[in-house]
Each structure stands twice: as C-alpha cells, then as structure tokens.
Amino acid sequence: MKSTINSAKKSKRGRPPVESEAVNVRMAVDALQNIDDWRRKQDDLPGRPEAIRRLVEIGLKTKGK
C-alpha cells in the first residue's frame, strides 16, 4: 500500500534563511529590566531580541566617539 503523503516539495514554515548565527546569553534581571524599559519607549515597541540588536548597534556606533 502506497503512502498518501504527497512527496512534492512543500514550502517551509518559519522565518526565511538569513546569514546569521544564534547567540545565547544569560543576563542579569536588572539588565533585562533596563532593556525592557528602553524598548517600551520606542515608537514601534520592538521585541526583546530586536531591542538588544538595536542597542548593540547603537553601542558599536558610539564606541569610537
């Protein structure tokens, strides 16, 4: 008896592939609270991962100044 599952390629679910690498970090509760406070002040209310990405970018841009 043949399987009724279609062997044709199905579109994958989830985020499309991007050139990136996952980084897992453990942060103090106080640091996370500061990040959450900062992100809530943003007009578009980014999620915590996006807020961290933005803050890293800000930090890297101002590092040399």
N, C-alpha and C. Protein backbone atom coordinates (compact mmCIF):
# COMPACT_ATOMS: atom_id res chain seq x y z
N MET A 1 0.83 -1.17 0.00
CA MET A 1 0.00 0.00 0.00
C MET A 1 0.89 1.25 0.00
N LYS A 2 0.62 2.16 -0.92
CA LYS A 2 1.41 3.38 -1.02
C LYS A 2 0.95 4.41 0.00
N SER A 3 1.89 5.22 0.41
CA SER A 3 1.58 6.28 1.36
C SER A 3 0.76 7.37 0.67
N THR A 4 -0.14 7.96 1.40
CA THR A 4 -0.97 9.02 0.83
C THR A 4 -0.32 10.40 1.00
N ILE A 5 0.86 10.43 1.63
CA ILE A 5 1.56 11.70 1.81
C ILE A 5 2.15 12.13 0.47
N ASN A 6 1.90 13.35 0.10
CA ASN A 6 2.42 13.89 -1.14
C ASN A 6 3.92 14.14 -0.98
N SER A 7 4.72 13.57 -1.85
CA SER A 7 6.16 13.73 -1.73
C SER A 7 6.67 15.00 -2.43
N ALA A 8 5.77 15.79 -2.97
CA ALA A 8 6.19 17.04 -3.60
C ALA A 8 6.74 17.98 -2.54
N LYS A 9 7.65 18.86 -2.96
CA LYS A 9 8.25 19.80 -2.02
C LYS A 9 7.20 20.76 -1.49
N LYS A 10 7.15 20.88 -0.19
CA LYS A 10 6.24 21.81 0.44
C LYS A 10 7.03 23.04 0.87
N SER A 11 6.35 24.18 0.88
CA SER A 11 7.04 25.36 1.35
C SER A 11 7.30 25.23 2.84
N LYS A 12 8.48 25.67 3.24
CA LYS A 12 8.85 25.56 4.64
C LYS A 12 8.19 26.67 5.45
N ARG A 13 7.88 26.37 6.67
CA ARG A 13 7.29 27.34 7.57
C ARG A 13 8.40 28.06 8.32
N GLY A 14 8.04 29.18 8.90
CA GLY A 14 9.00 29.89 9.73
C GLY A 14 9.72 30.99 8.98
N ARG A 15 10.72 31.51 9.64
CA ARG A 15 11.50 32.61 9.07
C ARG A 15 12.32 32.13 7.88
N PRO A 16 12.46 32.97 6.88
CA PRO A 16 13.33 32.60 5.76
C PRO A 16 14.79 32.59 6.22
N PRO A 17 15.62 31.80 5.56
CA PRO A 17 17.02 31.74 5.98
C PRO A 17 17.72 33.09 5.80
N VAL A 18 18.53 33.44 6.76
CA VAL A 18 19.32 34.67 6.70
C VAL A 18 20.74 34.33 7.10
N GLU A 19 21.65 35.14 6.64
CA GLU A 19 23.03 34.92 7.01
C GLU A 19 23.22 35.45 8.43
N SER A 20 23.08 34.59 9.39
CA SER A 20 23.20 34.99 10.79
C SER A 20 23.57 33.78 11.63
N GLU A 21 23.83 34.05 12.87
CA GLU A 21 24.18 33.00 13.81
C GLU A 21 23.50 33.29 15.14
N ALA A 22 22.93 32.29 15.75
CA ALA A 22 22.27 32.47 17.04
C ALA A 22 23.31 32.65 18.13
N VAL A 23 23.00 33.56 19.06
CA VAL A 23 23.87 33.80 20.20
C VAL A 23 22.99 33.75 21.45
N ASN A 24 23.32 32.87 22.35
CA ASN A 24 22.57 32.76 23.59
C ASN A 24 23.39 33.37 24.72
N VAL A 25 22.79 34.29 25.44
CA VAL A 25 23.47 34.92 26.57
C VAL A 25 22.56 34.91 27.79
N ARG A 26 23.19 34.82 28.92
CA ARG A 26 22.47 34.93 30.18
C ARG A 26 22.73 36.34 30.70
N MET A 27 21.65 37.04 31.05
CA MET A 27 21.77 38.41 31.51
C MET A 27 21.12 38.56 32.88
N ALA A 28 21.65 39.50 33.64
CA ALA A 28 21.09 39.78 34.95
C ALA A 28 19.68 40.35 34.80
N VAL A 29 18.85 40.10 35.79
CA VAL A 29 17.48 40.58 35.76
C VAL A 29 17.44 42.10 35.63
N ASP A 30 18.35 42.79 36.31
CA ASP A 30 18.40 44.26 36.23
C ASP A 30 18.69 44.74 34.80
N ALA A 31 19.60 44.04 34.11
CA ALA A 31 19.92 44.41 32.73
C ALA A 31 18.71 44.21 31.83
N LEU A 32 18.01 43.11 32.02
CA LEU A 32 16.82 42.85 31.21
C LEU A 32 15.73 43.88 31.49
N GLN A 33 15.62 44.29 32.73
CA GLN A 33 14.63 45.32 33.07
C GLN A 33 14.96 46.63 32.36
N ASN A 34 16.26 46.96 32.32
CA ASN A 34 16.69 48.18 31.62
C ASN A 34 16.39 48.08 30.13
N ILE A 35 16.63 46.92 29.54
CA ILE A 35 16.34 46.71 28.12
C ILE A 35 14.84 46.84 27.88
N ASP A 36 14.04 46.22 28.73
CA ASP A 36 12.58 46.30 28.58
C ASP A 36 12.07 47.73 28.73
N ASP A 37 12.65 48.46 29.68
CA ASP A 37 12.26 49.87 29.85
C ASP A 37 12.60 50.67 28.60
N TRP A 38 13.79 50.43 28.02
CA TRP A 38 14.23 51.15 26.82
C TRP A 38 13.31 50.82 25.65
N ARG A 39 13.01 49.54 25.46
CA ARG A 39 12.22 49.16 24.28
C ARG A 39 10.79 49.68 24.36
N ARG A 40 10.25 49.82 25.56
CA ARG A 40 8.88 50.34 25.70
C ARG A 40 8.80 51.82 25.34
N LYS A 41 9.93 52.51 25.34
CA LYS A 41 9.96 53.92 24.96
C LYS A 41 10.06 54.11 23.44
N GLN A 42 10.29 53.03 22.71
CA GLN A 42 10.41 53.10 21.26
C GLN A 42 9.03 53.16 20.63
N ASP A 43 8.93 53.92 19.54
CA ASP A 43 7.64 54.10 18.87
C ASP A 43 7.01 52.79 18.38
N ASP A 44 7.85 51.86 17.92
CA ASP A 44 7.31 50.63 17.33
C ASP A 44 7.33 49.44 18.30
N LEU A 45 7.68 49.64 19.55
CA LEU A 45 7.75 48.62 20.59
C LEU A 45 8.37 47.31 20.05
N PRO A 46 9.70 47.33 19.85
CA PRO A 46 10.35 46.12 19.36
C PRO A 46 10.32 45.02 20.43
N GLY A 47 10.41 43.80 19.98
CA GLY A 47 10.53 42.68 20.92
C GLY A 47 11.90 42.74 21.58
N ARG A 48 12.08 41.94 22.59
CA ARG A 48 13.36 41.96 23.32
C ARG A 48 14.56 41.64 22.42
N PRO A 49 14.49 40.61 21.56
CA PRO A 49 15.65 40.34 20.69
C PRO A 49 15.98 41.52 19.76
N GLU A 50 14.96 42.14 19.18
CA GLU A 50 15.20 43.29 18.30
C GLU A 50 15.76 44.46 19.09
N ALA A 51 15.27 44.68 20.30
CA ALA A 51 15.79 45.76 21.14
C ALA A 51 17.27 45.53 21.44
N ILE A 52 17.64 44.31 21.74
CA ILE A 52 19.04 44.00 22.01
C ILE A 52 19.89 44.25 20.77
N ARG A 53 19.40 43.84 19.58
CA ARG A 53 20.14 44.09 18.34
C ARG A 53 20.34 45.59 18.14
N ARG A 54 19.30 46.38 18.36
CA ARG A 54 19.40 47.83 18.18
C ARG A 54 20.38 48.45 19.18
N LEU A 55 20.31 48.01 20.42
CA LEU A 55 21.21 48.57 21.43
C LEU A 55 22.67 48.21 21.15
N VAL A 56 22.90 47.01 20.64
CA VAL A 56 24.27 46.63 20.26
C VAL A 56 24.75 47.53 19.13
N GLU A 57 23.90 47.76 18.12
CA GLU A 57 24.27 48.64 17.01
C GLU A 57 24.59 50.05 17.51
N ILE A 58 23.76 50.57 18.40
CA ILE A 58 24.00 51.91 18.96
C ILE A 58 25.33 51.93 19.69
N GLY A 59 25.58 50.90 20.49
CA GLY A 59 26.84 50.82 21.23
C GLY A 59 28.05 50.74 20.32
N LEU A 60 27.93 49.97 19.24
CA LEU A 60 29.06 49.85 18.31
C LEU A 60 29.32 51.14 17.54
N LYS A 61 28.26 51.87 17.23
CA LYS A 61 28.42 53.14 16.50
C LYS A 61 29.07 54.20 17.38
N THR A 62 28.75 54.22 18.66
CA THR A 62 29.28 55.26 19.55
C THR A 62 30.59 54.85 20.21
N LYS A 63 31.03 53.65 20.00
CA LYS A 63 32.25 53.14 20.63
C LYS A 63 33.48 53.99 20.30
N GLY A 64 33.61 54.36 19.04
CA GLY A 64 34.79 55.09 18.62
C GLY A 64 34.73 56.58 18.85
N LYS A 65 33.63 57.09 19.36
CA LYS A 65 33.48 58.53 19.52
C LYS A 65 33.97 59.01 20.86
